[in-house]
N, C-alpha and C. Protein backbone atom coordinates (compact mmCIF):
# COMPACT_ATOMS: atom_id res chain seq x y z
N MET A 1 70.68 -100.63 59.34
CA MET A 1 70.30 -99.22 59.47
C MET A 1 71.08 -98.59 60.62
N SER A 2 71.59 -97.37 60.39
CA SER A 2 72.40 -96.73 61.42
C SER A 2 71.55 -96.45 62.66
N TYR A 3 72.21 -96.51 63.83
CA TYR A 3 71.50 -96.27 65.09
C TYR A 3 70.94 -94.86 65.13
N GLU A 4 71.70 -93.89 64.57
CA GLU A 4 71.26 -92.49 64.61
C GLU A 4 69.95 -92.31 63.83
N LEU A 5 69.89 -92.91 62.62
CA LEU A 5 68.70 -92.75 61.81
C LEU A 5 67.51 -93.47 62.44
N ALA A 6 67.77 -94.64 62.99
CA ALA A 6 66.70 -95.37 63.68
C ALA A 6 66.17 -94.54 64.84
N SER A 7 67.06 -93.86 65.53
CA SER A 7 66.65 -93.03 66.66
C SER A 7 65.80 -91.85 66.20
N VAL A 8 66.17 -91.26 65.06
CA VAL A 8 65.41 -90.13 64.51
C VAL A 8 63.99 -90.57 64.18
N ILE A 9 63.86 -91.74 63.52
CA ILE A 9 62.53 -92.23 63.16
C ILE A 9 61.73 -92.56 64.40
N ALA A 10 62.36 -93.22 65.37
CA ALA A 10 61.67 -93.59 66.60
C ALA A 10 61.23 -92.35 67.39
N ARG A 11 62.05 -91.29 67.33
CA ARG A 11 61.76 -90.09 68.14
C ARG A 11 60.74 -89.19 67.46
N TYR A 12 60.93 -88.93 66.17
CA TYR A 12 60.07 -87.96 65.48
C TYR A 12 58.95 -88.64 64.68
N GLY A 13 58.99 -89.95 64.59
CA GLY A 13 57.90 -90.71 64.01
C GLY A 13 57.51 -90.32 62.61
N TYR A 14 56.23 -89.95 62.45
CA TYR A 14 55.65 -89.74 61.13
C TYR A 14 56.30 -88.58 60.38
N ILE A 15 56.65 -87.52 61.08
CA ILE A 15 57.29 -86.38 60.42
C ILE A 15 58.64 -86.80 59.84
N ALA A 16 59.39 -87.60 60.59
CA ALA A 16 60.69 -88.07 60.11
C ALA A 16 60.53 -88.94 58.86
N ILE A 17 59.54 -89.81 58.88
CA ILE A 17 59.30 -90.69 57.73
C ILE A 17 58.92 -89.86 56.50
N LEU A 18 58.03 -88.89 56.69
CA LEU A 18 57.61 -88.02 55.59
C LEU A 18 58.80 -87.30 54.98
N MET A 19 59.64 -86.69 55.81
CA MET A 19 60.77 -85.92 55.32
C MET A 19 61.83 -86.81 54.69
N LEU A 20 62.12 -87.95 55.31
CA LEU A 20 63.13 -88.86 54.76
C LEU A 20 62.72 -89.37 53.38
N VAL A 21 61.46 -89.78 53.25
CA VAL A 21 60.97 -90.29 51.97
C VAL A 21 61.01 -89.18 50.92
N PHE A 22 60.48 -88.01 51.26
CA PHE A 22 60.43 -86.91 50.29
C PHE A 22 61.82 -86.48 49.84
N LEU A 23 62.70 -86.21 50.80
CA LEU A 23 64.02 -85.68 50.47
C LEU A 23 64.84 -86.64 49.62
N GLN A 24 64.82 -87.92 50.00
CA GLN A 24 65.62 -88.86 49.21
C GLN A 24 65.04 -89.06 47.82
N GLU A 25 63.72 -89.06 47.69
CA GLU A 25 63.11 -89.27 46.37
C GLU A 25 63.31 -88.09 45.44
N VAL A 26 63.54 -86.89 45.98
CA VAL A 26 63.82 -85.75 45.10
C VAL A 26 65.32 -85.61 44.82
N GLY A 27 66.11 -86.52 45.37
CA GLY A 27 67.53 -86.55 45.01
C GLY A 27 68.50 -86.12 46.08
N VAL A 28 68.02 -85.82 47.29
CA VAL A 28 68.94 -85.44 48.37
C VAL A 28 69.65 -86.72 48.84
N PRO A 29 70.99 -86.73 48.82
CA PRO A 29 71.73 -87.95 49.18
C PRO A 29 71.43 -88.41 50.61
N SER A 30 71.32 -89.72 50.77
CA SER A 30 71.09 -90.30 52.09
C SER A 30 71.83 -91.63 52.16
N PRO A 31 72.45 -91.93 53.29
CA PRO A 31 73.18 -93.19 53.42
C PRO A 31 72.27 -94.40 53.53
N ILE A 32 70.98 -94.16 53.79
CA ILE A 32 70.03 -95.25 53.98
C ILE A 32 68.93 -95.17 52.92
N PRO A 33 68.76 -96.20 52.09
CA PRO A 33 67.70 -96.18 51.08
C PRO A 33 66.32 -96.07 51.74
N ASN A 34 65.39 -95.45 51.04
CA ASN A 34 64.04 -95.33 51.57
C ASN A 34 63.38 -96.68 51.81
N GLU A 35 63.78 -97.67 51.03
CA GLU A 35 63.22 -99.00 51.24
C GLU A 35 63.51 -99.50 52.65
N LEU A 36 64.72 -99.21 53.15
CA LEU A 36 65.05 -99.61 54.51
C LEU A 36 64.29 -98.77 55.54
N VAL A 37 64.06 -97.51 55.20
CA VAL A 37 63.26 -96.66 56.08
C VAL A 37 61.86 -97.25 56.22
N LEU A 38 61.28 -97.69 55.12
CA LEU A 38 59.93 -98.26 55.15
C LEU A 38 59.92 -99.60 55.88
N LEU A 39 60.95 -100.41 55.66
CA LEU A 39 61.04 -101.69 56.37
C LEU A 39 61.11 -101.46 57.88
N PHE A 40 61.92 -100.49 58.29
CA PHE A 40 62.04 -100.18 59.71
C PHE A 40 60.74 -99.60 60.25
N SER A 41 60.04 -98.83 59.42
CA SER A 41 58.74 -98.29 59.83
C SER A 41 57.75 -99.41 60.07
N GLY A 42 57.80 -100.43 59.20
CA GLY A 42 56.95 -101.59 59.40
C GLY A 42 57.29 -102.31 60.69
N TYR A 43 58.58 -102.37 61.01
CA TYR A 43 59.02 -102.96 62.27
C TYR A 43 58.44 -102.19 63.46
N LEU A 44 58.42 -100.86 63.36
CA LEU A 44 57.88 -100.03 64.44
C LEU A 44 56.38 -100.24 64.62
N THR A 45 55.68 -100.56 63.53
CA THR A 45 54.25 -100.86 63.69
C THR A 45 54.07 -102.18 64.45
N PHE A 46 54.99 -103.10 64.24
CA PHE A 46 54.92 -104.38 64.96
C PHE A 46 55.13 -104.18 66.46
N THR A 47 56.04 -103.27 66.80
CA THR A 47 56.32 -103.01 68.21
C THR A 47 55.24 -102.15 68.87
N GLY A 48 54.39 -101.55 68.05
CA GLY A 48 53.33 -100.70 68.59
C GLY A 48 53.74 -99.25 68.75
N ALA A 49 54.96 -98.90 68.31
CA ALA A 49 55.43 -97.52 68.45
C ALA A 49 54.71 -96.58 67.49
N LEU A 50 54.34 -97.10 66.30
CA LEU A 50 53.63 -96.31 65.31
C LEU A 50 52.46 -97.11 64.76
N TYR A 51 51.52 -96.42 64.13
CA TYR A 51 50.33 -97.07 63.60
C TYR A 51 50.46 -97.31 62.10
N PHE A 52 50.16 -98.53 61.69
CA PHE A 52 50.33 -98.96 60.30
C PHE A 52 49.64 -98.03 59.30
N PRO A 53 48.33 -97.76 59.46
CA PRO A 53 47.64 -96.92 58.45
C PRO A 53 48.24 -95.53 58.32
N ILE A 54 48.67 -94.95 59.44
CA ILE A 54 49.22 -93.59 59.38
C ILE A 54 50.59 -93.61 58.71
N ILE A 55 51.40 -94.62 59.00
CA ILE A 55 52.71 -94.73 58.34
C ILE A 55 52.52 -94.83 56.83
N VAL A 56 51.60 -95.68 56.41
CA VAL A 56 51.34 -95.85 54.98
C VAL A 56 50.90 -94.53 54.35
N LEU A 57 49.97 -93.84 54.99
CA LEU A 57 49.47 -92.56 54.47
C LEU A 57 50.58 -91.53 54.39
N VAL A 58 51.40 -91.43 55.43
CA VAL A 58 52.49 -90.45 55.47
C VAL A 58 53.53 -90.75 54.39
N ALA A 59 53.92 -92.01 54.28
CA ALA A 59 54.95 -92.39 53.29
C ALA A 59 54.43 -92.18 51.87
N ILE A 60 53.17 -92.52 51.63
CA ILE A 60 52.58 -92.29 50.31
C ILE A 60 52.56 -90.80 49.99
N THR A 61 52.19 -89.98 50.96
CA THR A 61 52.18 -88.53 50.76
C THR A 61 53.56 -88.00 50.39
N GLY A 62 54.59 -88.44 51.13
CA GLY A 62 55.95 -87.99 50.85
C GLY A 62 56.41 -88.39 49.47
N ASP A 63 56.10 -89.63 49.07
CA ASP A 63 56.55 -90.11 47.76
C ASP A 63 55.78 -89.45 46.63
N LEU A 64 54.47 -89.24 46.82
CA LEU A 64 53.68 -88.56 45.79
C LEU A 64 54.16 -87.12 45.59
N LEU A 65 54.45 -86.43 46.68
CA LEU A 65 54.95 -85.06 46.58
C LEU A 65 56.29 -85.03 45.84
N ALA A 66 57.16 -85.98 46.16
CA ALA A 66 58.47 -86.03 45.50
C ALA A 66 58.33 -86.35 44.02
N GLY A 67 57.52 -87.37 43.70
CA GLY A 67 57.33 -87.74 42.30
C GLY A 67 56.69 -86.64 41.49
N ALA A 68 55.71 -85.95 42.08
CA ALA A 68 55.06 -84.84 41.38
C ALA A 68 56.01 -83.66 41.20
N THR A 69 56.84 -83.41 42.21
CA THR A 69 57.80 -82.30 42.13
C THR A 69 58.81 -82.53 41.02
N LEU A 70 59.41 -83.73 40.98
CA LEU A 70 60.40 -84.04 39.94
C LEU A 70 59.78 -83.96 38.55
N PHE A 71 58.61 -84.57 38.41
CA PHE A 71 57.94 -84.58 37.11
C PHE A 71 57.65 -83.15 36.63
N THR A 72 57.11 -82.33 37.51
CA THR A 72 56.74 -80.97 37.14
C THR A 72 57.96 -80.14 36.75
N ILE A 73 59.01 -80.22 37.56
CA ILE A 73 60.23 -79.45 37.28
C ILE A 73 60.81 -79.83 35.92
N PHE A 74 60.94 -81.13 35.67
CA PHE A 74 61.60 -81.56 34.44
C PHE A 74 60.65 -81.56 33.24
N TYR A 75 59.35 -81.51 33.49
CA TYR A 75 58.38 -81.38 32.40
C TYR A 75 58.50 -79.99 31.78
N PHE A 76 58.64 -78.98 32.62
CA PHE A 76 58.68 -77.60 32.14
C PHE A 76 60.10 -77.08 31.90
N PHE A 77 61.06 -77.53 32.71
CA PHE A 77 62.40 -76.94 32.64
C PHE A 77 63.50 -77.98 32.39
N GLY A 78 63.12 -79.21 32.08
CA GLY A 78 64.09 -80.30 31.95
C GLY A 78 65.18 -80.06 30.93
N GLN A 79 64.78 -79.64 29.74
CA GLN A 79 65.77 -79.44 28.68
C GLN A 79 66.77 -78.35 29.05
N THR A 80 66.29 -77.29 29.67
CA THR A 80 67.17 -76.20 30.09
C THR A 80 68.13 -76.68 31.18
N ILE A 81 67.60 -77.44 32.13
CA ILE A 81 68.43 -77.93 33.23
C ILE A 81 69.53 -78.84 32.73
N PHE A 82 69.19 -79.77 31.83
CA PHE A 82 70.20 -80.71 31.37
C PHE A 82 71.16 -80.09 30.36
N ARG A 83 70.72 -79.02 29.69
CA ARG A 83 71.63 -78.32 28.78
C ARG A 83 72.73 -77.62 29.57
N ARG A 84 72.35 -77.06 30.72
CA ARG A 84 73.32 -76.36 31.56
C ARG A 84 73.90 -77.26 32.64
N LYS A 85 73.16 -78.26 33.05
CA LYS A 85 73.49 -79.25 34.06
C LYS A 85 74.47 -78.78 35.14
N PRO A 86 73.95 -78.15 36.18
CA PRO A 86 74.79 -77.75 37.31
C PRO A 86 75.39 -78.99 37.97
N SER A 87 76.53 -78.81 38.59
CA SER A 87 77.25 -79.95 39.19
C SER A 87 76.49 -80.58 40.35
N TRP A 88 75.52 -79.83 40.94
CA TRP A 88 74.83 -80.36 42.10
C TRP A 88 73.70 -81.31 41.76
N ILE A 89 73.33 -81.41 40.47
CA ILE A 89 72.24 -82.32 40.10
C ILE A 89 72.72 -83.76 40.24
N PRO A 90 72.07 -84.56 41.10
CA PRO A 90 72.56 -85.92 41.38
C PRO A 90 72.04 -86.96 40.40
N PHE A 91 72.06 -86.65 39.08
CA PHE A 91 71.57 -87.59 38.09
C PHE A 91 72.66 -87.84 37.04
N PRO A 92 73.49 -88.89 37.22
CA PRO A 92 74.55 -89.19 36.26
C PRO A 92 73.98 -89.44 34.86
N LYS A 93 74.64 -88.92 33.84
CA LYS A 93 74.13 -89.04 32.47
C LYS A 93 74.03 -90.50 32.02
N LYS A 94 74.97 -91.35 32.44
CA LYS A 94 74.93 -92.75 32.04
C LYS A 94 73.67 -93.44 32.56
N VAL A 95 73.32 -93.12 33.80
CA VAL A 95 72.11 -93.72 34.39
C VAL A 95 70.88 -93.23 33.65
N ILE A 96 70.82 -91.93 33.38
CA ILE A 96 69.69 -91.34 32.67
C ILE A 96 69.54 -91.99 31.30
N ASP A 97 70.64 -92.14 30.55
CA ASP A 97 70.59 -92.73 29.21
C ASP A 97 70.10 -94.18 29.26
N ARG A 98 70.59 -94.93 30.24
CA ARG A 98 70.22 -96.35 30.34
C ARG A 98 68.74 -96.52 30.64
N ILE A 99 68.24 -95.75 31.60
CA ILE A 99 66.84 -95.86 31.98
C ILE A 99 65.93 -95.33 30.87
N SER A 100 66.38 -94.27 30.18
CA SER A 100 65.55 -93.70 29.12
C SER A 100 65.36 -94.70 27.98
N ARG A 101 66.40 -95.46 27.66
CA ARG A 101 66.29 -96.49 26.62
C ARG A 101 65.26 -97.55 27.01
N LYS A 102 65.28 -97.94 28.28
CA LYS A 102 64.34 -98.96 28.75
C LYS A 102 62.90 -98.45 28.69
N ILE A 103 62.70 -97.21 29.10
CA ILE A 103 61.35 -96.64 29.08
C ILE A 103 60.84 -96.51 27.65
N GLN A 104 61.73 -96.09 26.74
CA GLN A 104 61.32 -95.90 25.37
C GLN A 104 60.96 -97.22 24.69
N THR A 105 61.63 -98.30 25.08
CA THR A 105 61.37 -99.60 24.45
C THR A 105 60.24 -100.37 25.11
N THR A 106 60.03 -100.16 26.40
CA THR A 106 59.01 -100.94 27.12
C THR A 106 57.74 -100.15 27.43
N GLY A 107 57.78 -98.82 27.28
CA GLY A 107 56.59 -98.02 27.47
C GLY A 107 56.09 -97.98 28.90
N GLN A 108 54.77 -98.12 29.05
CA GLN A 108 54.13 -97.98 30.36
C GLN A 108 54.65 -99.01 31.36
N SER A 109 54.86 -100.25 30.90
CA SER A 109 55.36 -101.28 31.82
C SER A 109 56.74 -100.93 32.34
N GLY A 110 57.57 -100.28 31.51
CA GLY A 110 58.90 -99.86 31.93
C GLY A 110 58.83 -98.79 33.01
N ILE A 111 57.85 -97.88 32.89
CA ILE A 111 57.67 -96.84 33.90
C ILE A 111 57.24 -97.47 35.22
N ILE A 112 56.31 -98.42 35.16
CA ILE A 112 55.82 -99.07 36.38
C ILE A 112 56.94 -99.84 37.07
N ILE A 113 57.67 -100.64 36.31
CA ILE A 113 58.76 -101.43 36.89
C ILE A 113 59.85 -100.51 37.44
N GLY A 114 60.17 -99.45 36.70
CA GLY A 114 61.19 -98.51 37.16
C GLY A 114 60.79 -97.82 38.45
N ARG A 115 59.52 -97.45 38.55
CA ARG A 115 59.03 -96.78 39.75
C ARG A 115 58.99 -97.73 40.95
N LEU A 116 59.01 -99.03 40.71
CA LEU A 116 58.99 -100.00 41.80
C LEU A 116 60.40 -100.51 42.14
N SER A 117 61.39 -100.02 41.42
CA SER A 117 62.76 -100.51 41.60
C SER A 117 63.55 -99.61 42.53
N PRO A 118 64.28 -100.20 43.49
CA PRO A 118 65.12 -99.39 44.37
C PRO A 118 66.19 -98.64 43.59
N PHE A 119 66.55 -97.45 44.08
CA PHE A 119 67.69 -96.67 43.60
C PHE A 119 67.45 -95.92 42.28
N ILE A 120 66.42 -96.28 41.48
CA ILE A 120 66.22 -95.59 40.20
C ILE A 120 64.85 -94.93 40.10
N ARG A 121 64.06 -94.99 41.16
CA ARG A 121 62.69 -94.49 41.12
C ARG A 121 62.64 -93.01 40.74
N GLY A 122 63.54 -92.22 41.35
CA GLY A 122 63.56 -90.79 41.06
C GLY A 122 63.94 -90.49 39.63
N TYR A 123 64.86 -91.29 39.07
CA TYR A 123 65.28 -91.09 37.69
C TYR A 123 64.09 -91.27 36.74
N VAL A 124 63.24 -92.24 37.05
CA VAL A 124 62.08 -92.51 36.20
C VAL A 124 61.14 -91.30 36.17
N SER A 125 60.92 -90.69 37.33
CA SER A 125 60.07 -89.49 37.39
C SER A 125 60.69 -88.35 36.57
N VAL A 126 61.99 -88.21 36.66
CA VAL A 126 62.70 -87.18 35.89
C VAL A 126 62.51 -87.41 34.40
N LEU A 127 62.69 -88.66 33.96
CA LEU A 127 62.58 -88.97 32.54
C LEU A 127 61.16 -88.83 32.02
N CYS A 128 60.18 -89.17 32.85
CA CYS A 128 58.79 -88.97 32.44
C CYS A 128 58.52 -87.50 32.19
N GLY A 129 59.09 -86.63 33.00
CA GLY A 129 58.97 -85.20 32.77
C GLY A 129 59.69 -84.76 31.51
N LEU A 130 60.90 -85.25 31.31
CA LEU A 130 61.70 -84.90 30.13
C LEU A 130 61.02 -85.34 28.84
N PHE A 131 60.42 -86.55 28.85
CA PHE A 131 59.78 -87.08 27.66
C PHE A 131 58.36 -86.53 27.46
N HIS A 132 57.93 -85.67 28.39
CA HIS A 132 56.59 -85.09 28.33
C HIS A 132 55.51 -86.16 28.27
N ILE A 133 55.68 -87.17 29.13
CA ILE A 133 54.62 -88.16 29.29
C ILE A 133 53.36 -87.43 29.74
N SER A 134 52.21 -87.87 29.28
CA SER A 134 50.95 -87.23 29.67
C SER A 134 50.85 -87.12 31.18
N PRO A 135 50.60 -85.91 31.71
CA PRO A 135 50.48 -85.75 33.16
C PRO A 135 49.43 -86.67 33.77
N ARG A 136 48.33 -86.88 33.07
CA ARG A 136 47.29 -87.78 33.58
C ARG A 136 47.82 -89.22 33.65
N LYS A 137 48.48 -89.65 32.59
CA LYS A 137 49.03 -91.00 32.54
C LYS A 137 50.09 -91.19 33.62
N TYR A 138 50.96 -90.20 33.76
CA TYR A 138 52.00 -90.29 34.79
C TYR A 138 51.38 -90.25 36.18
N GLY A 139 50.38 -89.40 36.36
CA GLY A 139 49.74 -89.27 37.67
C GLY A 139 49.12 -90.59 38.12
N LEU A 140 48.42 -91.27 37.22
CA LEU A 140 47.81 -92.56 37.55
C LEU A 140 48.89 -93.59 37.89
N THR A 141 49.96 -93.60 37.09
CA THR A 141 51.06 -94.53 37.35
C THR A 141 51.75 -94.21 38.67
N LEU A 142 51.91 -92.92 38.96
CA LEU A 142 52.55 -92.50 40.20
C LEU A 142 51.75 -92.97 41.41
N VAL A 143 50.45 -92.77 41.39
CA VAL A 143 49.61 -93.19 42.51
C VAL A 143 49.66 -94.71 42.67
N LEU A 144 49.55 -95.44 41.56
CA LEU A 144 49.57 -96.91 41.61
C LEU A 144 50.88 -97.44 42.18
N THR A 145 52.00 -96.97 41.61
CA THR A 145 53.30 -97.51 42.02
C THR A 145 53.68 -97.08 43.43
N THR A 146 53.32 -95.85 43.79
CA THR A 146 53.61 -95.38 45.14
C THR A 146 52.87 -96.21 46.18
N THR A 147 51.60 -96.48 45.92
CA THR A 147 50.80 -97.26 46.85
C THR A 147 51.35 -98.67 47.00
N ILE A 148 51.70 -99.30 45.86
CA ILE A 148 52.26 -100.66 45.89
C ILE A 148 53.59 -100.66 46.63
N TRP A 149 54.44 -99.67 46.32
CA TRP A 149 55.78 -99.59 46.90
C TRP A 149 55.72 -99.44 48.41
N VAL A 150 54.93 -98.49 48.88
CA VAL A 150 54.83 -98.24 50.32
C VAL A 150 54.21 -99.42 51.04
N LEU A 151 53.07 -99.88 50.57
CA LEU A 151 52.37 -100.99 51.24
C LEU A 151 53.24 -102.23 51.30
N SER A 152 53.96 -102.51 50.21
CA SER A 152 54.77 -103.72 50.16
C SER A 152 55.89 -103.70 51.19
N TYR A 153 56.65 -102.62 51.22
CA TYR A 153 57.81 -102.57 52.12
C TYR A 153 57.40 -102.44 53.59
N VAL A 154 56.37 -101.65 53.87
CA VAL A 154 55.92 -101.54 55.26
C VAL A 154 55.36 -102.88 55.74
N THR A 155 54.62 -103.56 54.88
CA THR A 155 54.06 -104.86 55.24
C THR A 155 55.16 -105.88 55.47
N VAL A 156 56.15 -105.90 54.58
CA VAL A 156 57.28 -106.83 54.76
C VAL A 156 58.02 -106.51 56.06
N GLY A 157 58.20 -105.23 56.35
CA GLY A 157 58.85 -104.84 57.61
C GLY A 157 58.10 -105.35 58.82
N PHE A 158 56.76 -105.30 58.74
CA PHE A 158 55.92 -105.80 59.83
C PHE A 158 56.07 -107.32 59.96
N ILE A 159 56.08 -108.01 58.82
CA ILE A 159 56.14 -109.48 58.83
C ILE A 159 57.48 -109.99 59.35
N ILE A 160 58.57 -109.33 58.93
CA ILE A 160 59.90 -109.82 59.32
C ILE A 160 60.37 -109.24 60.65
N ALA A 161 59.52 -108.43 61.28
CA ALA A 161 59.92 -107.79 62.55
C ALA A 161 60.47 -108.76 63.58
N PRO A 162 59.86 -109.94 63.78
CA PRO A 162 60.42 -110.86 64.78
C PRO A 162 61.80 -111.39 64.41
N TYR A 163 62.16 -111.29 63.13
CA TYR A 163 63.43 -111.86 62.67
C TYR A 163 64.40 -110.79 62.19
N ILE A 164 64.12 -109.52 62.47
CA ILE A 164 64.89 -108.43 61.89
C ILE A 164 66.35 -108.46 62.34
N ASP A 165 66.62 -108.94 63.54
CA ASP A 165 68.00 -109.04 64.00
C ASP A 165 68.76 -110.10 63.22
N LEU A 166 68.06 -111.16 62.81
CA LEU A 166 68.72 -112.22 62.05
C LEU A 166 69.07 -111.73 60.64
N LEU A 167 68.17 -110.93 60.04
CA LEU A 167 68.43 -110.41 58.70
C LEU A 167 69.51 -109.36 58.70
N ASP A 168 69.63 -108.61 59.83
CA ASP A 168 70.65 -107.56 59.99
C ASP A 168 70.67 -106.63 58.79
N LEU A 169 69.68 -105.73 58.73
CA LEU A 169 69.56 -104.81 57.60
C LEU A 169 70.68 -103.80 57.54
N ARG A 170 71.55 -103.79 58.52
CA ARG A 170 72.69 -102.86 58.49
C ARG A 170 73.84 -103.42 57.66
N SER A 171 73.81 -104.71 57.36
CA SER A 171 74.93 -105.37 56.69
C SER A 171 74.98 -105.02 55.22
N SER A 172 76.06 -105.46 54.58
CA SER A 172 76.22 -105.21 53.15
C SER A 172 75.22 -105.99 52.32
N ASN A 173 74.57 -107.00 52.93
CA ASN A 173 73.59 -107.79 52.22
C ASN A 173 72.24 -107.08 52.11
N SER A 174 72.10 -105.93 52.77
CA SER A 174 70.80 -105.26 52.78
C SER A 174 70.36 -104.88 51.38
N HIS A 175 71.30 -104.51 50.50
CA HIS A 175 70.93 -104.15 49.14
C HIS A 175 70.39 -105.36 48.39
N ILE A 176 70.94 -106.53 48.67
CA ILE A 176 70.44 -107.75 48.03
C ILE A 176 69.00 -108.02 48.48
N ILE A 177 68.74 -107.80 49.77
CA ILE A 177 67.39 -107.99 50.30
C ILE A 177 66.42 -107.07 49.59
N LEU A 178 66.81 -105.81 49.41
CA LEU A 178 65.93 -104.84 48.74
C LEU A 178 65.67 -105.24 47.30
N ILE A 179 66.70 -105.69 46.60
CA ILE A 179 66.55 -106.08 45.20
C ILE A 179 65.62 -107.28 45.07
N VAL A 180 65.77 -108.26 45.97
CA VAL A 180 64.90 -109.44 45.95
C VAL A 180 63.45 -109.04 46.18
N ILE A 181 63.22 -108.19 47.19
CA ILE A 181 61.85 -107.75 47.47
C ILE A 181 61.28 -106.98 46.28
N ALA A 182 62.10 -106.10 45.71
CA ALA A 182 61.63 -105.32 44.56
C ALA A 182 61.31 -106.22 43.38
N ALA A 183 62.14 -107.25 43.17
CA ALA A 183 61.91 -108.19 42.06
C ALA A 183 60.59 -108.93 42.25
N VAL A 184 60.32 -109.35 43.47
CA VAL A 184 59.07 -110.05 43.76
C VAL A 184 57.87 -109.14 43.50
N ILE A 185 57.98 -107.88 43.93
CA ILE A 185 56.90 -106.91 43.72
C ILE A 185 56.69 -106.68 42.22
N ALA A 186 57.80 -106.48 41.49
CA ALA A 186 57.70 -106.21 40.05
C ALA A 186 57.10 -107.40 39.31
N ILE A 187 57.50 -108.62 39.68
CA ILE A 187 56.96 -109.82 39.04
C ILE A 187 55.46 -109.92 39.31
N GLY A 188 55.06 -109.61 40.55
CA GLY A 188 53.65 -109.63 40.90
C GLY A 188 52.84 -108.67 40.05
N VAL A 189 53.39 -107.46 39.86
CA VAL A 189 52.70 -106.46 39.04
C VAL A 189 52.59 -106.92 37.59
N ILE A 190 53.67 -107.50 37.05
CA ILE A 190 53.66 -107.98 35.67
C ILE A 190 52.62 -109.09 35.49
N LEU A 191 52.61 -110.04 36.44
CA LEU A 191 51.63 -111.13 36.36
C LEU A 191 50.21 -110.60 36.44
N PHE A 192 50.00 -109.62 37.31
CA PHE A 192 48.67 -109.01 37.43
C PHE A 192 48.23 -108.38 36.11
N ASN A 193 49.15 -107.65 35.46
CA ASN A 193 48.83 -107.01 34.19
C ASN A 193 48.54 -108.03 33.10
N LEU A 194 49.34 -109.12 33.10
CA LEU A 194 49.12 -110.18 32.10
C LEU A 194 47.77 -110.84 32.29
N ILE A 195 47.42 -111.12 33.54
CA ILE A 195 46.13 -111.75 33.82
C ILE A 195 44.98 -110.82 33.44
N ARG A 196 45.16 -109.52 33.80
CA ARG A 196 44.12 -108.54 33.48
C ARG A 196 43.92 -108.43 31.96
N LYS A 197 45.04 -108.40 31.21
CA LYS A 197 44.93 -108.32 29.76
C LYS A 197 44.31 -109.58 29.18
N ARG A 198 44.66 -110.73 29.77
CA ARG A 198 44.11 -112.00 29.31
C ARG A 198 42.60 -112.04 29.50
N ILE A 199 42.15 -111.60 30.67
CA ILE A 199 40.72 -111.57 30.96
C ILE A 199 40.00 -110.60 30.02
N SER A 200 40.63 -109.44 29.79
CA SER A 200 40.05 -108.44 28.89
C SER A 200 39.93 -108.98 27.47
N THR A 201 40.97 -109.69 27.00
CA THR A 201 40.96 -110.26 25.66
C THR A 201 39.89 -111.33 25.54
N THR A 202 39.78 -112.17 26.58
CA THR A 202 38.79 -113.24 26.58
C THR A 202 37.37 -112.67 26.50
N ARG A 203 37.12 -111.60 27.28
CA ARG A 203 35.80 -110.97 27.26
C ARG A 203 35.50 -110.37 25.90
N THR A 204 36.53 -109.76 25.28
CA THR A 204 36.33 -109.16 23.95
C THR A 204 35.99 -110.22 22.92
N ASP A 205 36.76 -111.34 22.96
CA ASP A 205 36.52 -112.44 22.02
C ASP A 205 35.12 -113.01 22.20
N SER A 206 34.68 -113.12 23.45
CA SER A 206 33.37 -113.68 23.76
C SER A 206 32.27 -112.78 23.19
N SER A 207 32.43 -111.47 23.36
CA SER A 207 31.42 -110.53 22.88
C SER A 207 31.35 -110.55 21.36
N VAL A 208 32.51 -110.73 20.70
CA VAL A 208 32.53 -110.80 19.22
C VAL A 208 31.83 -112.04 18.75
N THR A 209 32.08 -113.17 19.44
CA THR A 209 31.46 -114.43 19.07
C THR A 209 29.95 -114.37 19.19
N LEU A 210 29.48 -113.73 20.29
CA LEU A 210 28.05 -113.59 20.49
C LEU A 210 27.45 -112.68 19.42
């Protein structure tokens, strides 16, 4: 992470985290992924500079606002925007097409995994708006994935704080670290859903038998 950005977060604290998370999730370019911002925020909770619950609340607020903003804009105006597609829209068509195919084939699980994946989270919110996913369904998914995403990265940042210099999140390997963490989170969510469905099926079978 660049020294300048780390200084901004350390100096302005919660406001900086809120703005960084919101702006990047709505598509404003940033040299530092939000996942690294959250990891560093977790590190700051370890040092005592910031408080864990407030960081989580602030980051969740920023991400929910961004996800709701993208969904709303593209739910009502998406077709018009993409038909005219101004050059400033930071959503490459190839990326949009690739993610849309995954969402269409995997459904709700694809939305959840996409929302938990680094670098494509905003695209998923855009596509949910374009496909006119039920606002209630998207809203529930948004709250779930945002909470998991924020809690996971801030917690990991807190845990690895004593070793953060060894990991060197400024290096080119930082993206690999983010992908590994995201994969672990996504696998955990998938396993949770499978177990939940298994328990639900077992209860249904039991009630039928009785």
